[in-house]
Structure formats: structure tokens, C-alpha cells
Amino acid sequence: MTKSLVEMAADIVQAQGSSKSMTLEELQNALKETFSTLHTLQAMETGEEAQNAEGSKPAIAPEKSILKNKIICLECGEDFKSLSFKHLETHGLTRREYRIKYGFSLRQPLCAKAITEKRKKAGKMRGIPDALKKSIAARKKASAIKKKPVTRKTTNTGKK
């Protein structure tokens, strides 16, 4: 007698729940993720297309995928500290394409909020914002000098 995917997912989550304490919400999420994974594996095994094909919406809202200590990949649902180029490449995406696909700003860091905060503090300690302001001011000054029209004075040398 073969088990259905729901029964297998329930058995897996039940085993996980017996080894550690989980809230009701965590159990529900674990059950959904386990079922989804089993369904994807079954589809791959039989050669069918997976349910999370191109065009379907992700299981979690994009704005909720970036958390304090982790970021959830909207393609596969895995947790990471930072979405690396290599990981996104496994989904056939670049960082830019991932941001556009899920509606993130192109300047949005694809890492946990705690990492972003550490990077900001480290940059401020090194004086990067002040150096950037000086550099921008210098560029504006240089471009303003280049844009000024050059006027030539004609001098009378007295020759006829």
C-alpha cells in the first residue's frame, strides 16, 4: 500500500515535531513546505512540470522574505543569510532579474537585515559617506568647469 503525499508529509512533520517543540504556525508551515517539496520531487521523478513553474506566485510575499537573520529564496523556499550569485544561477536568474521578477528595488540588498546593518555601520566607521559626498562635490565642480564656454579675447597688436 503506497502512501499519499499528504500522508508522507504528515509523517515527516510529525517526526520533526516530536524531536523539538514547534508552534502551530511552524507546524503548518513545515507541513506546507514538506508537501510542496515532495510534490516537486514526484513531478521531477515522473517528468512532469513542477507546480512552482514560471509565472506562478511564490508561497511567501516578497516583502516578508527578508527577515532579521535570514532571507528566504522565493524560487525554492530555502533560508539563507545572503542570496549568492551561485544560488540564483541554479534557478537561471541573475540578481537583477530576481529583483525585477519579485518587485524589489534594484538597490535592495539580497541578504538578511542584520547583515545589511553591520555593513552600514562598518562603512560609516570607515568614513565612506563623507568620502562619497566629497567625491560627488568634486565631480560636480569638475563638470561645471568643463561646461563653461571659453571666451577668447582679441588683442590689437597694432599691425596693419
N, C-alpha and C. Protein backbone atom coordinates (compact mmCIF):
# COMPACT_ATOMS: atom_id res chain seq x y z
N MET A 1 0.85 -1.18 0.00
CA MET A 1 0.00 0.00 0.00
C MET A 1 0.89 1.23 0.00
N THR A 2 0.69 2.10 -0.97
CA THR A 2 1.50 3.31 -1.05
C THR A 2 0.81 4.45 -0.34
N LYS A 3 1.64 5.30 0.24
CA LYS A 3 1.10 6.46 0.96
C LYS A 3 0.94 7.63 0.01
N SER A 4 -0.02 8.48 0.32
CA SER A 4 -0.18 9.69 -0.49
C SER A 4 0.85 10.72 -0.03
N LEU A 5 1.02 11.76 -0.83
CA LEU A 5 1.98 12.80 -0.48
C LEU A 5 1.62 13.49 0.84
N VAL A 6 0.33 13.67 1.06
CA VAL A 6 -0.13 14.31 2.30
C VAL A 6 0.25 13.46 3.50
N GLU A 7 0.06 12.15 3.39
CA GLU A 7 0.40 11.25 4.50
C GLU A 7 1.90 11.24 4.75
N MET A 8 2.68 11.20 3.68
CA MET A 8 4.14 11.23 3.85
C MET A 8 4.60 12.54 4.49
N ALA A 9 4.03 13.65 4.04
CA ALA A 9 4.39 14.96 4.60
C ALA A 9 4.01 15.02 6.08
N ALA A 10 2.83 14.48 6.41
CA ALA A 10 2.38 14.48 7.80
C ALA A 10 3.32 13.64 8.67
N ASP A 11 3.75 12.48 8.17
CA ASP A 11 4.68 11.63 8.93
C ASP A 11 6.01 12.33 9.17
N ILE A 12 6.51 13.01 8.15
CA ILE A 12 7.80 13.71 8.27
C ILE A 12 7.69 14.84 9.29
N VAL A 13 6.63 15.64 9.20
CA VAL A 13 6.45 16.77 10.12
C VAL A 13 6.18 16.26 11.54
N GLN A 14 5.46 15.16 11.66
CA GLN A 14 5.19 14.58 12.98
C GLN A 14 6.50 14.14 13.63
N ALA A 15 7.38 13.52 12.87
CA ALA A 15 8.67 13.11 13.40
C ALA A 15 9.50 14.32 13.81
N GLN A 16 9.45 15.37 13.00
CA GLN A 16 10.18 16.59 13.31
C GLN A 16 9.59 17.26 14.56
N GLY A 17 8.27 17.28 14.66
CA GLY A 17 7.61 17.90 15.80
C GLY A 17 7.85 17.15 17.11
N SER A 18 8.07 15.84 17.03
CA SER A 18 8.31 15.07 18.25
C SER A 18 9.73 15.28 18.78
N SER A 19 10.65 15.70 17.91
CA SER A 19 12.03 15.91 18.36
C SER A 19 12.29 17.32 18.86
N LYS A 20 11.46 18.27 18.50
CA LYS A 20 11.61 19.64 19.01
C LYS A 20 10.24 20.29 19.12
N SER A 21 10.15 21.26 20.02
CA SER A 21 8.85 21.92 20.20
C SER A 21 8.62 22.93 19.08
N MET A 22 7.42 22.89 18.53
CA MET A 22 7.07 23.78 17.42
C MET A 22 5.70 24.38 17.70
N THR A 23 5.52 25.63 17.31
CA THR A 23 4.21 26.27 17.45
C THR A 23 3.29 25.75 16.35
N LEU A 24 2.02 26.06 16.48
CA LEU A 24 1.04 25.62 15.48
C LEU A 24 1.38 26.19 14.11
N GLU A 25 1.78 27.47 14.08
CA GLU A 25 2.14 28.11 12.81
C GLU A 25 3.36 27.44 12.19
N GLU A 26 4.36 27.10 13.01
CA GLU A 26 5.55 26.43 12.49
C GLU A 26 5.20 25.05 11.94
N LEU A 27 4.30 24.34 12.63
CA LEU A 27 3.87 23.03 12.13
C LEU A 27 3.15 23.15 10.79
N GLN A 28 2.27 24.16 10.68
CA GLN A 28 1.55 24.35 9.42
C GLN A 28 2.50 24.69 8.28
N ASN A 29 3.44 25.60 8.55
CA ASN A 29 4.42 25.98 7.52
C ASN A 29 5.29 24.79 7.13
N ALA A 30 5.72 24.01 8.12
CA ALA A 30 6.54 22.83 7.84
C ALA A 30 5.77 21.83 6.99
N LEU A 31 4.49 21.66 7.30
CA LEU A 31 3.67 20.72 6.53
C LEU A 31 3.50 21.19 5.09
N LYS A 32 3.25 22.50 4.90
CA LYS A 32 3.10 23.04 3.55
C LYS A 32 4.40 22.90 2.76
N GLU A 33 5.52 23.25 3.38
CA GLU A 33 6.81 23.18 2.69
C GLU A 33 7.18 21.74 2.37
N THR A 34 6.94 20.83 3.30
CA THR A 34 7.26 19.42 3.07
C THR A 34 6.41 18.86 1.94
N PHE A 35 5.12 19.16 1.96
CA PHE A 35 4.24 18.69 0.89
C PHE A 35 4.69 19.24 -0.46
N SER A 36 5.01 20.54 -0.48
CA SER A 36 5.45 21.17 -1.73
C SER A 36 6.73 20.51 -2.25
N THR A 37 7.65 20.24 -1.35
CA THR A 37 8.91 19.60 -1.74
C THR A 37 8.66 18.20 -2.27
N LEU A 38 7.83 17.45 -1.57
CA LEU A 38 7.51 16.09 -2.03
C LEU A 38 6.81 16.12 -3.40
N HIS A 39 5.92 17.08 -3.58
CA HIS A 39 5.21 17.20 -4.86
C HIS A 39 6.20 17.53 -5.99
N THR A 40 7.12 18.43 -5.71
CA THR A 40 8.14 18.81 -6.70
C THR A 40 9.01 17.60 -7.04
N LEU A 41 9.42 16.87 -6.01
CA LEU A 41 10.26 15.68 -6.25
C LEU A 41 9.50 14.63 -7.07
N GLN A 42 8.22 14.45 -6.77
CA GLN A 42 7.42 13.49 -7.52
C GLN A 42 7.28 13.94 -8.97
N ALA A 43 7.07 15.23 -9.18
CA ALA A 43 6.94 15.75 -10.55
C ALA A 43 8.24 15.58 -11.32
N MET A 44 9.35 15.80 -10.65
CA MET A 44 10.65 15.62 -11.31
C MET A 44 10.87 14.14 -11.65
N GLU A 45 10.46 13.27 -10.75
CA GLU A 45 10.64 11.84 -10.94
C GLU A 45 9.82 11.31 -12.12
N THR A 46 8.61 11.82 -12.25
CA THR A 46 7.73 11.36 -13.32
C THR A 46 7.91 12.15 -14.61
N GLY A 47 8.70 13.21 -14.56
CA GLY A 47 8.95 14.00 -15.75
C GLY A 47 7.94 15.10 -16.00
N GLU A 48 7.00 15.28 -15.08
CA GLU A 48 6.02 16.35 -15.23
C GLU A 48 6.65 17.66 -14.78
N GLU A 49 6.00 18.76 -15.17
CA GLU A 49 6.48 20.06 -14.71
C GLU A 49 6.10 20.26 -13.27
N ALA A 50 6.99 20.91 -12.52
CA ALA A 50 6.70 21.19 -11.12
C ALA A 50 5.60 22.23 -11.02
N GLN A 51 4.91 22.23 -9.88
CA GLN A 51 3.80 23.17 -9.68
C GLN A 51 4.30 24.60 -9.64
N ASN A 52 5.49 24.83 -9.09
CA ASN A 52 6.03 26.18 -8.99
C ASN A 52 6.75 26.56 -10.28
N ALA A 53 6.09 26.40 -11.40
CA ALA A 53 6.68 26.75 -12.68
C ALA A 53 6.69 28.26 -12.85
N GLU A 54 7.35 28.69 -13.90
CA GLU A 54 7.43 30.12 -14.22
C GLU A 54 6.02 30.70 -14.33
N GLY A 55 5.81 31.85 -13.69
CA GLY A 55 4.52 32.50 -13.79
C GLY A 55 3.65 32.30 -12.57
N SER A 56 3.88 31.27 -11.77
CA SER A 56 3.07 31.11 -10.56
C SER A 56 3.66 31.98 -9.46
N LYS A 57 2.82 32.38 -8.52
CA LYS A 57 3.31 33.29 -7.50
C LYS A 57 3.98 32.53 -6.36
N PRO A 58 4.94 33.15 -5.68
CA PRO A 58 5.68 32.47 -4.62
C PRO A 58 4.79 32.20 -3.40
N ALA A 59 5.26 31.28 -2.55
CA ALA A 59 4.49 30.89 -1.38
C ALA A 59 4.46 31.99 -0.32
N ILE A 60 5.43 32.88 -0.33
CA ILE A 60 5.53 33.95 0.67
C ILE A 60 5.61 35.28 -0.06
N ALA A 61 5.08 36.32 0.55
CA ALA A 61 5.13 37.65 -0.06
C ALA A 61 6.59 38.13 -0.11
N PRO A 62 7.01 38.73 -1.21
CA PRO A 62 8.40 39.17 -1.35
C PRO A 62 8.86 40.08 -0.21
N GLU A 63 7.99 41.01 0.23
CA GLU A 63 8.41 41.93 1.29
C GLU A 63 8.61 41.23 2.63
N LYS A 64 8.03 40.04 2.79
CA LYS A 64 8.19 39.28 4.03
C LYS A 64 9.32 38.27 3.94
N SER A 65 9.98 38.18 2.80
CA SER A 65 11.05 37.18 2.63
C SER A 65 12.37 37.64 3.22
N ILE A 66 12.55 38.95 3.43
CA ILE A 66 13.79 39.45 4.01
C ILE A 66 13.54 39.70 5.49
N LEU A 67 14.12 38.86 6.32
CA LEU A 67 13.93 38.91 7.76
C LEU A 67 15.21 39.37 8.45
N LYS A 68 15.16 39.49 9.77
CA LYS A 68 16.31 39.99 10.52
C LYS A 68 17.56 39.11 10.34
N ASN A 69 17.41 37.81 10.49
CA ASN A 69 18.58 36.93 10.45
C ASN A 69 18.61 35.97 9.27
N LYS A 70 17.68 36.13 8.34
CA LYS A 70 17.69 35.25 7.16
C LYS A 70 16.90 35.89 6.03
N ILE A 71 17.15 35.38 4.83
CA ILE A 71 16.37 35.75 3.66
C ILE A 71 15.88 34.44 3.04
N ILE A 72 14.64 34.44 2.64
CA ILE A 72 14.03 33.24 2.07
C ILE A 72 14.02 33.39 0.55
N CYS A 73 14.60 32.43 -0.12
CA CYS A 73 14.60 32.44 -1.59
C CYS A 73 13.17 32.21 -2.06
N LEU A 74 12.65 33.10 -2.87
CA LEU A 74 11.28 33.00 -3.35
C LEU A 74 11.13 31.96 -4.46
N GLU A 75 12.23 31.47 -4.98
CA GLU A 75 12.18 30.45 -6.02
C GLU A 75 12.02 29.05 -5.40
N CYS A 76 12.81 28.75 -4.36
CA CYS A 76 12.79 27.39 -3.80
C CYS A 76 12.34 27.33 -2.35
N GLY A 77 12.27 28.48 -1.66
CA GLY A 77 11.81 28.50 -0.28
C GLY A 77 12.88 28.22 0.76
N GLU A 78 14.14 28.08 0.36
CA GLU A 78 15.22 27.82 1.31
C GLU A 78 15.64 29.11 2.02
N ASP A 79 16.17 28.95 3.25
CA ASP A 79 16.64 30.08 4.05
C ASP A 79 18.14 30.26 3.87
N PHE A 80 18.57 31.51 3.76
CA PHE A 80 19.99 31.85 3.63
C PHE A 80 20.28 33.12 4.41
N LYS A 81 21.55 33.36 4.67
CA LYS A 81 21.97 34.65 5.23
C LYS A 81 22.01 35.67 4.09
N SER A 82 22.41 35.20 2.91
CA SER A 82 22.52 36.05 1.74
C SER A 82 22.26 35.20 0.49
N LEU A 83 21.54 35.76 -0.48
CA LEU A 83 21.31 35.03 -1.72
C LEU A 83 22.51 35.24 -2.63
N SER A 84 23.28 34.21 -2.81
CA SER A 84 24.50 34.31 -3.59
C SER A 84 24.21 34.24 -5.09
N PHE A 85 25.17 34.69 -5.85
CA PHE A 85 25.07 34.62 -7.30
C PHE A 85 24.93 33.17 -7.74
N LYS A 86 25.71 32.27 -7.11
CA LYS A 86 25.68 30.86 -7.50
C LYS A 86 24.31 30.23 -7.22
N HIS A 87 23.69 30.58 -6.09
CA HIS A 87 22.38 30.01 -5.79
C HIS A 87 21.35 30.48 -6.81
N LEU A 88 21.34 31.77 -7.09
CA LEU A 88 20.38 32.29 -8.06
C LEU A 88 20.61 31.71 -9.45
N GLU A 89 21.87 31.41 -9.74
CA GLU A 89 22.22 30.82 -11.03
C GLU A 89 21.57 29.44 -11.18
N THR A 90 21.39 28.71 -10.07
CA THR A 90 20.74 27.40 -10.15
C THR A 90 19.28 27.53 -10.57
N HIS A 91 18.70 28.70 -10.35
CA HIS A 91 17.32 28.97 -10.78
C HIS A 91 17.28 29.67 -12.14
N GLY A 92 18.45 29.89 -12.73
CA GLY A 92 18.52 30.53 -14.03
C GLY A 92 18.28 32.03 -13.97
N LEU A 93 18.64 32.65 -12.84
CA LEU A 93 18.42 34.09 -12.65
C LEU A 93 19.70 34.80 -12.26
N THR A 94 19.77 36.08 -12.61
CA THR A 94 20.82 36.94 -12.07
C THR A 94 20.19 37.71 -10.91
N ARG A 95 21.01 38.42 -10.15
CA ARG A 95 20.46 39.20 -9.04
C ARG A 95 19.48 40.26 -9.55
N ARG A 96 19.82 40.88 -10.65
CA ARG A 96 18.95 41.90 -11.23
C ARG A 96 17.61 41.30 -11.65
N GLU A 97 17.65 40.16 -12.34
CA GLU A 97 16.42 39.51 -12.79
C GLU A 97 15.56 39.08 -11.60
N TYR A 98 16.19 38.58 -10.53
CA TYR A 98 15.47 38.17 -9.32
C TYR A 98 14.75 39.37 -8.71
N ARG A 99 15.47 40.50 -8.59
CA ARG A 99 14.87 41.70 -8.02
C ARG A 99 13.68 42.17 -8.86
N ILE A 100 13.84 42.17 -10.16
CA ILE A 100 12.77 42.63 -11.05
C ILE A 100 11.58 41.66 -10.99
N LYS A 101 11.85 40.38 -11.01
CA LYS A 101 10.79 39.37 -11.01
C LYS A 101 9.89 39.48 -9.78
N TYR A 102 10.49 39.77 -8.62
CA TYR A 102 9.72 39.81 -7.38
C TYR A 102 9.45 41.23 -6.88
N GLY A 103 9.74 42.24 -7.70
CA GLY A 103 9.35 43.61 -7.38
C GLY A 103 10.22 44.31 -6.35
N PHE A 104 11.46 43.87 -6.18
CA PHE A 104 12.37 44.55 -5.26
C PHE A 104 13.01 45.74 -5.97
N SER A 105 13.44 46.71 -5.19
CA SER A 105 14.22 47.81 -5.74
C SER A 105 15.55 47.24 -6.24
N LEU A 106 16.09 47.82 -7.29
CA LEU A 106 17.36 47.32 -7.82
C LEU A 106 18.52 47.55 -6.85
N ARG A 107 18.30 48.40 -5.86
CA ARG A 107 19.34 48.67 -4.86
C ARG A 107 19.14 47.86 -3.58
N GLN A 108 18.08 47.04 -3.53
CA GLN A 108 17.77 46.23 -2.35
C GLN A 108 18.83 45.15 -2.15
N PRO A 109 19.50 45.13 -0.99
CA PRO A 109 20.46 44.04 -0.75
C PRO A 109 19.72 42.71 -0.60
N LEU A 110 20.26 41.68 -1.19
CA LEU A 110 19.65 40.36 -1.10
C LEU A 110 20.32 39.57 0.04
N CYS A 111 20.21 40.13 1.25
CA CYS A 111 20.75 39.48 2.43
C CYS A 111 19.90 39.85 3.64
N ALA A 112 20.16 39.17 4.76
CA ALA A 112 19.40 39.41 5.98
C ALA A 112 19.61 40.85 6.45
N LYS A 113 18.60 41.39 7.15
CA LYS A 113 18.66 42.78 7.61
C LYS A 113 19.82 43.01 8.58
N ALA A 114 20.15 42.01 9.39
CA ALA A 114 21.25 42.15 10.34
C ALA A 114 22.58 42.35 9.61
N ILE A 115 22.77 41.64 8.51
CA ILE A 115 24.00 41.79 7.72
C ILE A 115 24.06 43.17 7.09
N THR A 116 22.92 43.64 6.57
CA THR A 116 22.87 44.98 5.98
C THR A 116 23.24 46.04 7.01
N GLU A 117 22.72 45.91 8.22
CA GLU A 117 23.03 46.88 9.28
C GLU A 117 24.51 46.86 9.64
N LYS A 118 25.10 45.67 9.73
CA LYS A 118 26.53 45.56 10.04
C LYS A 118 27.36 46.25 8.95
N ARG A 119 26.98 46.04 7.70
CA ARG A 119 27.72 46.66 6.59
C ARG A 119 27.59 48.18 6.63
N LYS A 120 26.40 48.69 6.96
CA LYS A 120 26.21 50.14 7.05
C LYS A 120 27.09 50.73 8.15
N LYS A 121 27.10 50.08 9.32
CA LYS A 121 27.91 50.58 10.44
C LYS A 121 29.39 50.56 10.09
N ALA A 122 29.83 49.47 9.47
CA ALA A 122 31.25 49.37 9.09
C ALA A 122 31.62 50.45 8.08
N GLY A 123 30.75 50.73 7.13
CA GLY A 123 31.01 51.77 6.15
C GLY A 123 31.09 53.15 6.77
N LYS A 124 30.19 53.42 7.73
CA LYS A 124 30.20 54.71 8.41
C LYS A 124 31.46 54.88 9.24
N MET A 125 31.90 53.79 9.88
CA MET A 125 33.11 53.86 10.70
C MET A 125 34.35 54.14 9.84
N ARG A 126 34.35 53.66 8.61
CA ARG A 126 35.48 53.90 7.71
C ARG A 126 35.38 55.24 7.01
N GLY A 127 34.29 55.96 7.20
CA GLY A 127 34.15 57.28 6.60
C GLY A 127 33.71 57.28 5.16
N ILE A 128 33.09 56.23 4.72
CA ILE A 128 32.67 56.14 3.32
C ILE A 128 31.64 57.20 2.94
N PRO A 129 30.62 57.48 3.78
CA PRO A 129 29.64 58.50 3.37
C PRO A 129 30.28 59.88 3.15
N ASP A 130 31.21 60.27 4.04
CA ASP A 130 31.86 61.57 3.88
C ASP A 130 32.73 61.60 2.63
N ALA A 131 33.46 60.53 2.39
CA ALA A 131 34.30 60.46 1.19
C ALA A 131 33.44 60.51 -0.07
N LEU A 132 32.29 59.87 -0.03
CA LEU A 132 31.39 59.87 -1.18
C LEU A 132 30.85 61.27 -1.45
N LYS A 133 30.48 61.99 -0.39
CA LYS A 133 29.99 63.36 -0.55
C LYS A 133 31.07 64.25 -1.16
N LYS A 134 32.31 64.11 -0.70
CA LYS A 134 33.42 64.90 -1.24
C LYS A 134 33.65 64.56 -2.71
N SER A 135 33.58 63.29 -3.05
CA SER A 135 33.79 62.86 -4.42
C SER A 135 32.71 63.41 -5.35
N ILE A 136 31.46 63.37 -4.90
CA ILE A 136 30.35 63.90 -5.70
C ILE A 136 30.51 65.40 -5.90
N ALA A 137 30.88 66.11 -4.84
CA ALA A 137 31.08 67.56 -4.94
C ALA A 137 32.22 67.88 -5.92
N ALA A 138 33.30 67.10 -5.87
CA ALA A 138 34.43 67.31 -6.77
C ALA A 138 34.02 67.06 -8.23
N ARG A 139 33.22 66.04 -8.46
CA ARG A 139 32.75 65.74 -9.83
C ARG A 139 31.87 66.86 -10.36
N LYS A 140 30.98 67.36 -9.51
CA LYS A 140 30.10 68.45 -9.93
C LYS A 140 30.91 69.69 -10.28
N LYS A 141 31.91 69.97 -9.46
CA LYS A 141 32.77 71.13 -9.69
C LYS A 141 33.53 70.96 -11.01
N ALA A 142 34.08 69.76 -11.24
CA ALA A 142 34.83 69.49 -12.47
C ALA A 142 33.93 69.58 -13.70
N SER A 143 32.72 69.06 -13.61
CA SER A 143 31.82 69.12 -14.77
C SER A 143 31.34 70.54 -15.02
N ALA A 144 31.19 71.34 -13.95
CA ALA A 144 30.79 72.73 -14.12
C ALA A 144 31.89 73.53 -14.82
N ILE A 145 33.13 73.23 -14.51
CA ILE A 145 34.26 73.92 -15.15
C ILE A 145 34.33 73.55 -16.63
N LYS A 146 34.09 72.29 -16.96
CA LYS A 146 34.14 71.84 -18.36
C LYS A 146 33.01 72.45 -19.18
N LYS A 147 31.87 72.71 -18.56
CA LYS A 147 30.71 73.22 -19.29
C LYS A 147 30.78 74.71 -19.55
N LYS A 148 31.62 75.44 -18.84
CA LYS A 148 31.71 76.88 -19.06
C LYS A 148 32.28 77.14 -20.45
N PRO A 149 31.65 78.05 -21.19
CA PRO A 149 32.17 78.35 -22.52
C PRO A 149 33.47 79.15 -22.41
N VAL A 150 34.39 78.85 -23.29
CA VAL A 150 35.67 79.54 -23.30
C VAL A 150 35.54 80.76 -24.20
N THR A 151 35.83 81.92 -23.67
CA THR A 151 35.77 83.14 -24.48
C THR A 151 37.19 83.61 -24.73
N ARG A 152 37.42 83.99 -25.97
CA ARG A 152 38.76 84.46 -26.33
C ARG A 152 38.72 85.97 -26.48
N LYS A 153 39.71 86.54 -25.93
CA LYS A 153 39.83 87.99 -26.08
C LYS A 153 40.67 88.27 -27.30
N THR A 154 40.23 89.20 -28.09
CA THR A 154 41.02 89.60 -29.24
C THR A 154 41.87 90.78 -28.84
N THR A 155 43.09 90.67 -29.17
CA THR A 155 44.02 91.76 -28.83
C THR A 155 44.43 92.46 -30.09
N ASN A 156 44.63 93.70 -29.96
CA ASN A 156 45.07 94.53 -31.07
C ASN A 156 46.58 94.65 -30.99
N THR A 157 47.28 94.09 -31.93
CA THR A 157 48.73 94.14 -31.89
C THR A 157 49.28 95.34 -32.64
N GLY A 158 48.46 96.06 -33.29
CA GLY A 158 48.90 97.25 -33.98
C GLY A 158 49.38 97.01 -35.40
N LYS A 159 49.32 95.81 -35.88
CA LYS A 159 49.74 95.52 -37.25
C LYS A 159 48.62 95.79 -38.20
N LYS A 160 49.02 96.28 -39.39
CA LYS A 160 48.03 96.53 -40.43
C LYS A 160 48.32 95.78 -41.66
